[in-house]
Protein backbone atom coordinates (compact mmCIF):
# COMPACT_ATOMS: atom_id res chain seq x y z
CA UNK A 1 -93.14 -58.83 -2.21
CA UNK A 2 -89.41 -59.27 -2.29
CA UNK A 3 -88.94 -55.66 -3.34
CA UNK A 4 -91.10 -54.43 -0.44
CA UNK A 5 -89.13 -56.51 2.02
CA UNK A 6 -85.86 -55.08 0.75
CA UNK A 7 -87.19 -51.56 1.11
CA UNK A 8 -88.27 -52.31 4.67
CA UNK A 9 -84.82 -53.66 5.47
CA UNK A 10 -83.15 -50.61 4.01
CA UNK A 11 -85.40 -48.28 6.07
CA UNK A 12 -84.69 -50.31 9.23
CA UNK A 13 -80.95 -50.20 8.56
CA UNK A 14 -81.10 -46.48 8.03
CA UNK A 15 -83.04 -46.06 11.22
CA UNK A 16 -80.48 -48.14 13.09
CA UNK A 17 -77.68 -46.01 11.66
CA UNK A 18 -79.49 -42.84 12.69
CA UNK A 19 -79.98 -44.20 16.21
CA UNK A 20 -76.28 -45.03 16.39
CA UNK A 21 -75.32 -41.60 15.11
CA UNK A 22 -77.62 -40.00 17.68
CA UNK A 23 -76.03 -42.05 20.43
CA UNK A 24 -72.57 -41.02 19.20
CA UNK A 25 -73.64 -37.38 19.19
CA UNK A 26 -74.98 -37.67 22.73
CA UNK A 27 -71.83 -39.41 23.88
CA UNK A 28 -69.67 -36.71 22.28
CA UNK A 29 -71.73 -33.98 23.91
CA UNK A 30 -71.32 -35.68 27.32
CA UNK A 31 -67.56 -35.98 26.78
CA UNK A 32 -67.34 -32.30 25.82
CA UNK A 33 -69.35 -31.33 28.92
CA UNK A 34 -67.10 -33.42 31.16
CA UNK A 35 -64.01 -31.90 29.56
CA UNK A 36 -65.39 -28.39 30.12
CA UNK A 37 -66.11 -29.27 33.78
CA UNK A 38 -62.53 -30.51 34.16
CA UNK A 39 -61.19 -27.33 32.59
CA UNK A 40 -63.30 -25.14 34.93
CA UNK A 41 -62.10 -27.16 37.95
CA UNK A 42 -58.49 -26.78 36.84
CA UNK A 43 -58.96 -23.05 36.35
CA UNK A 44 -60.46 -22.70 39.82
CA UNK A 45 -57.62 -24.68 41.33
CA UNK A 46 -55.04 -22.43 39.58
CA UNK A 47 -56.87 -19.30 40.79
CA UNK A 48 -56.96 -20.56 44.37
CA UNK A 49 -53.27 -21.45 44.17
CA UNK A 50 -52.45 -17.90 42.88
CA UNK A 51 -54.60 -16.43 45.62
CA UNK A 52 -52.78 -18.44 48.29
CA UNK A 53 -49.42 -17.38 46.89
CA UNK A 54 -50.57 -13.74 46.86
CA UNK A 55 -51.65 -14.09 50.48
CA UNK A 56 -48.32 -15.64 51.38
CA UNK A 57 -46.48 -12.79 49.68
CA UNK A 58 -48.61 -10.23 51.54
CA UNK A 59 -48.06 -12.04 54.82
CA UNK A 60 -44.29 -12.21 54.16
CA UNK A 61 -44.06 -8.43 54.37
CA UNK A 62 -45.15 -8.50 58.01
CA UNK A 63 -42.23 -8.51 60.50
CA UNK A 64 -43.46 -11.65 62.30
CA UNK A 65 -43.16 -13.76 59.12
CA UNK A 66 -39.58 -12.67 58.24
CA UNK A 67 -36.96 -15.30 58.97
CA UNK A 68 -33.47 -13.83 58.70
CA UNK A 69 -30.41 -16.09 58.85
CA UNK A 70 -28.26 -16.28 62.00
CA UNK A 71 -25.39 -14.63 60.08
CA UNK A 72 -27.62 -11.57 59.42
CA UNK A 73 -28.78 -11.36 63.02
CA UNK A 74 -25.19 -11.57 64.27
CA UNK A 75 -24.44 -8.21 62.65
CA UNK A 76 -22.99 -6.06 65.46
CA UNK A 77 -25.17 -3.13 64.44
CA UNK A 78 -28.26 -4.80 65.94
CA UNK A 79 -29.26 -4.14 69.50
CA UNK A 80 -27.42 -0.81 69.79
CA UNK A 81 -28.85 2.68 70.55
CA UNK A 82 -27.67 5.65 68.54
CA UNK A 83 -28.48 8.33 66.04
CA UNK A 84 -29.82 8.11 62.48
CA UNK A 85 -28.56 11.09 60.50
CA UNK A 86 -29.48 12.32 57.02
CA UNK A 87 -27.42 14.36 54.56
CA UNK A 88 -27.18 15.44 50.91
CA UNK A 89 -26.04 13.42 47.95
CA UNK A 90 -22.41 12.35 48.17
CA UNK A 91 -21.92 14.04 51.60
CA UNK A 92 -21.70 11.01 53.89
CA UNK A 93 -18.04 11.43 54.70
CA UNK A 94 -18.44 15.11 55.54
CA UNK A 95 -21.64 14.49 57.52
CA UNK A 96 -19.96 11.70 59.50
CA UNK A 97 -17.05 14.01 60.35
CA UNK A 98 -19.54 16.65 61.51
CA UNK A 99 -21.32 14.20 63.73
CA UNK A 100 -18.08 12.89 65.29
CA UNK A 101 -17.14 16.51 66.12
CA UNK A 102 -20.61 17.17 67.55
CA UNK A 103 -20.55 14.03 69.70
CA UNK A 104 -17.03 14.74 70.96
CA UNK A 105 -18.18 18.24 71.95
CA UNK A 106 -21.29 17.17 73.80
CA UNK A 107 -20.04 13.95 75.34
CA UNK A 108 -16.87 15.66 76.59
CA UNK A 109 -18.94 18.59 77.80
CA UNK A 110 -21.06 16.26 79.90
CA UNK A 111 -17.91 14.58 81.29
CA UNK A 112 -16.40 18.01 82.05
CA UNK A 113 -19.56 19.03 83.93
CA UNK A 114 -19.27 15.93 86.06
CA UNK A 115 -15.60 16.74 86.71
CA UNK A 116 -16.46 20.31 87.72
CA UNK A 117 -18.87 18.96 90.30
CA UNK A 118 -16.08 16.88 91.67
CA UNK A 119 -13.69 19.88 91.73
CA UNK A 120 -15.80 21.39 94.52
CA UNK A 121 -15.43 18.28 96.60
CA UNK A 122 -12.72 18.35 99.28
CA UNK A 123 -11.84 14.73 98.48
CA UNK A 124 -11.28 15.49 94.76
CA UNK A 125 -8.36 13.44 93.37
CA UNK A 126 -6.65 15.49 90.64
CA UNK A 127 -4.46 12.61 89.40
CA UNK A 128 -7.45 10.31 89.09
CA UNK A 129 -9.43 12.96 87.20
CA UNK A 130 -6.50 13.52 84.84
CA UNK A 131 -6.26 9.79 84.14
CA UNK A 132 -9.97 9.63 83.45
CA UNK A 133 -9.78 12.56 81.03
CA UNK A 134 -6.82 11.06 79.28
CA UNK A 135 -8.76 7.78 78.92
CA UNK A 136 -11.68 9.66 77.44
CA UNK A 137 -9.45 11.30 74.83
CA UNK A 138 -8.08 7.89 73.91
CA UNK A 139 -11.58 6.46 73.57
CA UNK A 140 -12.86 9.26 71.36
CA UNK A 141 -9.81 9.17 69.05
CA UNK A 142 -8.78 5.52 69.10
CA UNK A 143 -10.30 2.17 68.19
CA UNK A 144 -12.20 2.01 71.46
CA UNK A 145 -14.32 5.15 70.76
CA UNK A 146 -17.75 4.96 72.41
CA UNK A 147 -19.54 5.41 69.10
CA UNK A 148 -19.22 3.91 65.61
CA UNK A 149 -20.71 4.80 62.25
CA UNK A 150 -22.48 2.16 60.12
CA UNK A 151 -23.28 2.60 56.41
CA UNK A 152 -26.77 1.37 55.63
CA UNK A 153 -26.37 1.03 51.80
CA UNK A 154 -29.06 3.65 51.34
CA UNK A 155 -28.33 7.07 49.89
CA UNK A 156 -28.61 10.04 52.26
CA UNK A 157 -28.81 8.24 55.62
CA UNK A 158 -26.42 6.42 58.04
CA UNK A 159 -26.39 5.25 61.63
CA UNK A 160 -24.08 6.25 64.51
CA UNK A 161 -24.22 3.49 67.08
CA UNK A 162 -23.44 4.05 70.79
CA UNK A 163 -21.55 1.16 72.38
CA UNK A 164 -23.02 -0.53 75.42
CA UNK A 165 -20.38 0.78 77.85
CA UNK A 166 -20.68 4.40 76.57
CA UNK A 167 -23.74 5.20 78.78
CA UNK A 168 -24.89 7.74 76.18
CA UNK A 169 -28.66 8.26 76.03
CA UNK A 170 -29.53 9.25 72.42
CA UNK A 171 -32.79 10.94 73.43
CA UNK A 172 -31.35 13.20 76.14
CA UNK A 173 -28.32 13.92 73.93
CA UNK A 174 -30.44 15.09 70.97
CA UNK A 175 -32.59 17.12 73.36
CA UNK A 176 -29.52 19.06 74.46
CA UNK A 177 -28.28 19.57 70.93
CA UNK A 178 -31.66 20.76 69.63
CA UNK A 179 -32.20 22.99 72.60
CA UNK A 180 -28.86 24.75 71.99
CA UNK A 181 -29.63 25.01 68.29
CA UNK A 182 -33.02 26.63 68.96
CA UNK A 183 -31.58 29.05 71.51
CA UNK A 184 -28.68 30.20 69.40
CA UNK A 185 -30.48 29.96 66.04
CA UNK A 186 -27.30 28.54 64.60
CA UNK A 187 -26.52 25.15 63.13
CA UNK A 188 -24.14 22.88 64.98
CA UNK A 189 -23.36 21.13 61.67
CA UNK A 190 -23.20 22.13 58.03
CA UNK A 191 -23.87 18.72 56.54
CA UNK A 192 -26.50 17.03 58.68
CA UNK A 193 -30.19 17.69 57.96
CA UNK A 194 -31.89 15.41 60.46
CA UNK A 195 -30.66 13.82 63.72
CA UNK A 196 -33.06 11.14 64.94
CA UNK A 197 -32.55 9.46 68.32
CA UNK A 198 -32.89 5.66 68.26
CA UNK A 199 -33.36 3.68 71.43
CA UNK A 200 -32.59 0.39 69.70
CA UNK A 201 -31.51 -0.54 66.14
CA UNK A 202 -32.86 -3.95 65.22
CA UNK A 203 -33.69 -6.27 62.36
CA UNK A 204 -37.12 -5.68 60.86
CA UNK A 205 -38.29 -9.13 62.00
CA UNK A 206 -37.95 -8.07 65.63
CA UNK A 207 -39.76 -4.73 65.23
CA UNK A 208 -43.11 -5.55 66.89
CA UNK A 209 -41.43 -7.24 69.84
CA UNK A 210 -39.18 -4.21 70.55
CA UNK A 211 -41.96 -1.67 70.09
CA UNK A 212 -44.13 -3.63 72.57
CA UNK A 213 -41.28 -3.36 75.14
CA UNK A 214 -41.08 0.46 74.61
CA UNK A 215 -44.81 0.86 74.77
CA UNK A 216 -45.02 -1.05 78.07
CA UNK A 217 -42.21 1.23 79.37
CA UNK A 218 -43.67 4.63 78.35
CA UNK A 219 -47.44 4.14 78.31
CA UNK A 220 -48.88 4.01 81.83
CA UNK A 221 -52.27 2.57 82.76
CA UNK A 222 -54.96 4.87 81.26
CA UNK A 223 -56.71 4.91 84.65
CA UNK A 224 -53.68 6.94 85.92
CA UNK A 225 -53.40 9.09 82.83
CA UNK A 226 -54.71 9.09 79.21
CA UNK A 227 -51.75 9.79 76.92
CA UNK A 228 -52.06 11.49 73.55
CA UNK A 229 -49.75 9.96 70.98
CA UNK A 230 -48.88 9.62 67.31
CA UNK A 231 -46.97 7.02 65.26
CA UNK A 232 -44.31 8.45 63.00
CA UNK A 233 -43.48 5.77 60.44
CA UNK A 234 -40.93 6.09 57.58
CA UNK A 235 -39.67 3.41 55.21
CA UNK A 236 -36.76 3.62 52.73
CA UNK A 237 -35.57 1.05 50.14
CA UNK A 238 -38.25 -1.51 51.02
CA UNK A 239 -41.11 -1.84 48.56
CA UNK A 240 -42.90 -4.58 50.54
CA UNK A 241 -43.74 -2.26 53.40
CA UNK A 242 -47.37 -1.28 53.73
CA UNK A 243 -47.28 1.79 55.92
CA UNK A 244 -50.92 1.77 57.04
CA UNK A 245 -50.89 -1.94 57.76
CA UNK A 246 -47.88 -1.54 60.01
CA UNK A 247 -49.37 1.49 61.80
CA UNK A 248 -52.55 -0.45 62.47
CA UNK A 249 -50.59 -3.39 63.89
CA UNK A 250 -48.60 -1.07 66.17
CA UNK A 251 -51.75 0.71 67.35
CA UNK A 252 -53.16 -2.62 68.47
CA UNK A 253 -50.32 -2.84 71.02
CA UNK A 254 -51.53 0.33 72.75
CA UNK A 255 -54.41 0.44 75.17
CA UNK A 256 -57.39 1.85 73.18
CA UNK A 257 -58.17 4.34 76.02
CA UNK A 258 -55.09 6.31 75.04
CA UNK A 259 -55.83 8.85 72.33
CA UNK A 260 -54.27 9.48 68.90
CA UNK A 261 -53.33 13.14 68.47
CA UNK A 262 -51.39 14.00 65.31
CA UNK A 263 -51.04 17.72 66.16
CA UNK A 264 -50.06 17.83 69.84
CA UNK A 265 -48.90 14.38 70.93
CA UNK A 266 -47.37 13.86 74.33
CA UNK A 267 -45.48 10.82 73.01
CA UNK A 268 -44.34 10.01 69.50
CA UNK A 269 -43.51 6.45 68.44
CA UNK A 270 -40.70 6.67 65.89
CA UNK A 271 -40.19 3.81 63.42
CA UNK A 272 -37.47 4.25 60.82
CA UNK A 273 -37.08 1.37 58.32
CA UNK A 274 -34.12 1.23 55.92
CA UNK A 275 -34.21 -2.00 53.84
CA UNK A 276 -34.34 -4.69 56.58
CA UNK A 277 -32.89 -2.42 59.25
CA UNK A 278 -35.22 -0.81 61.77
CA UNK A 279 -34.72 1.95 64.35
CA UNK A 280 -37.33 2.43 67.11
CA UNK A 281 -37.80 4.91 69.92
CA UNK A 282 -40.52 6.83 71.82
CA UNK A 283 -39.91 10.54 72.43
CA UNK A 284 -41.84 13.40 74.13
CA UNK A 285 -40.29 16.29 72.17
CA UNK A 286 -40.87 15.35 68.52
CA UNK A 287 -42.82 18.48 67.54
CA UNK A 288 -40.72 20.80 69.72
CA UNK A 289 -37.62 19.61 67.83
CA UNK A 290 -39.28 20.19 64.46
CA UNK A 291 -39.33 16.43 63.70
CA UNK A 292 -35.62 16.41 64.54
CA UNK A 293 -34.84 18.69 61.58
CA UNK A 294 -31.82 20.83 62.56
CA UNK A 295 -32.27 23.30 59.73
CA UNK A 296 -35.95 23.84 60.49
CA UNK A 297 -35.30 24.27 64.19
CA UNK A 298 -32.61 26.92 63.61
CA UNK A 299 -35.17 28.86 61.52
CA UNK A 300 -32.97 28.73 58.46
CA UNK A 301 -33.99 28.25 54.84
CA UNK A 302 -33.89 24.77 53.35
CA UNK A 303 -31.41 24.25 50.48
CA UNK A 304 -32.84 24.62 46.96
CA UNK A 305 -33.98 21.32 45.45
CA UNK A 306 -31.55 19.66 43.07
CA UNK A 307 -32.33 18.54 39.50
CA UNK A 308 -33.19 14.90 38.95
CA UNK A 309 -30.16 12.64 38.58
CA UNK A 310 -30.62 10.52 35.42
CA UNK A 311 -27.55 8.40 36.22
CA UNK A 312 -28.61 7.63 39.75
CA UNK A 313 -32.42 7.18 40.05
CA UNK A 314 -31.99 5.90 43.67
CA UNK A 315 -30.77 9.31 44.67
CA UNK A 316 -33.93 10.81 43.17
CA UNK A 317 -35.95 8.58 45.55
CA UNK A 318 -33.94 9.93 48.49
CA UNK A 319 -34.49 13.50 47.27
CA UNK A 320 -38.26 12.82 47.03
CA UNK A 321 -38.22 11.55 50.62
CA UNK A 322 -36.43 14.71 51.74
CA UNK A 323 -38.97 16.84 49.85
CA UNK A 324 -41.82 15.04 51.55
CA UNK A 325 -40.15 15.67 54.91
CA UNK A 326 -39.73 19.35 54.09
CA UNK A 327 -43.42 19.65 53.00
CA UNK A 328 -44.48 17.96 56.23
CA UNK A 329 -42.37 20.43 58.18
CA UNK A 330 -43.97 23.38 56.33
CA UNK A 331 -47.47 22.04 57.02
CA UNK A 332 -46.71 21.55 60.71
CA UNK A 333 -45.20 25.05 60.95
CA UNK A 334 -48.34 26.47 59.35
CA UNK A 335 -50.49 24.68 61.92
CA UNK A 336 -48.40 26.06 64.80
CA UNK A 337 -48.57 29.67 63.44
CA UNK A 338 -52.37 29.40 63.16
CA UNK A 339 -52.76 28.51 66.85
């Protein structure tokens, strides 16, 4: 009897141990499941954080989200009209000299025309006219010249700003230059490739605001007239810029009844971005002036492409931009010849 009792006890003890082991296993399984849940939750949180950061980065490329410092916005280059001009590698000094000569010729020519009108007037004051001409010479040669060149720290492009008191309209000025170039079939400059009129040179953060002002000025109510337009958008030295996103945002500012026409626009909205600089204007003669390409307008051959510069990869980027511009010109010329 005693032996049987002992056996029963042993079996009961073993059963109790098994039950305890089973409980431990279940508890361990629950803990593992809870740990897995926690890990999944952490992963999801990390993913959502990364997604938010990505969205913030994408949003930061939009002009409205940029927050430049006051020191940057106080740069005297901002707020001025002028001309963006492009040139070959290492030719900025020569191109700048060419542009100064060109401006002196056309600005003085305009002033001389005004003086000639006054010559026919009986009340013409010779001494006063002489003093005015002398002052103009001082302004174009001295520190108080009506225009000033700014380097943009980007190969192959610079900006010539017109001072507020100069009363020089960059759009009408380029129209005269390009008209003369087309008529004579000769270049007014050896070094400058493109001469782009800019109504206002601004910080990228102010781009949409300034474009809205120009659109309100140039685009009438579509009830009066439906305008055909295109958006010409170029960006240099700014990898954050999403061209199509910007174009879509700009298009939203225009009444949808106006029509996009890439081949024969009546108005072209020009946006030129260089790093955080931005030049904007709206012109009516973009195609007529061969996209403001002096060489193309004169009907001359483009220079042969240069070999890639291993020491200066940034210059290669500029050369690629120029090649793209040249290809675009060739495509547009082909379209015009087919008409």
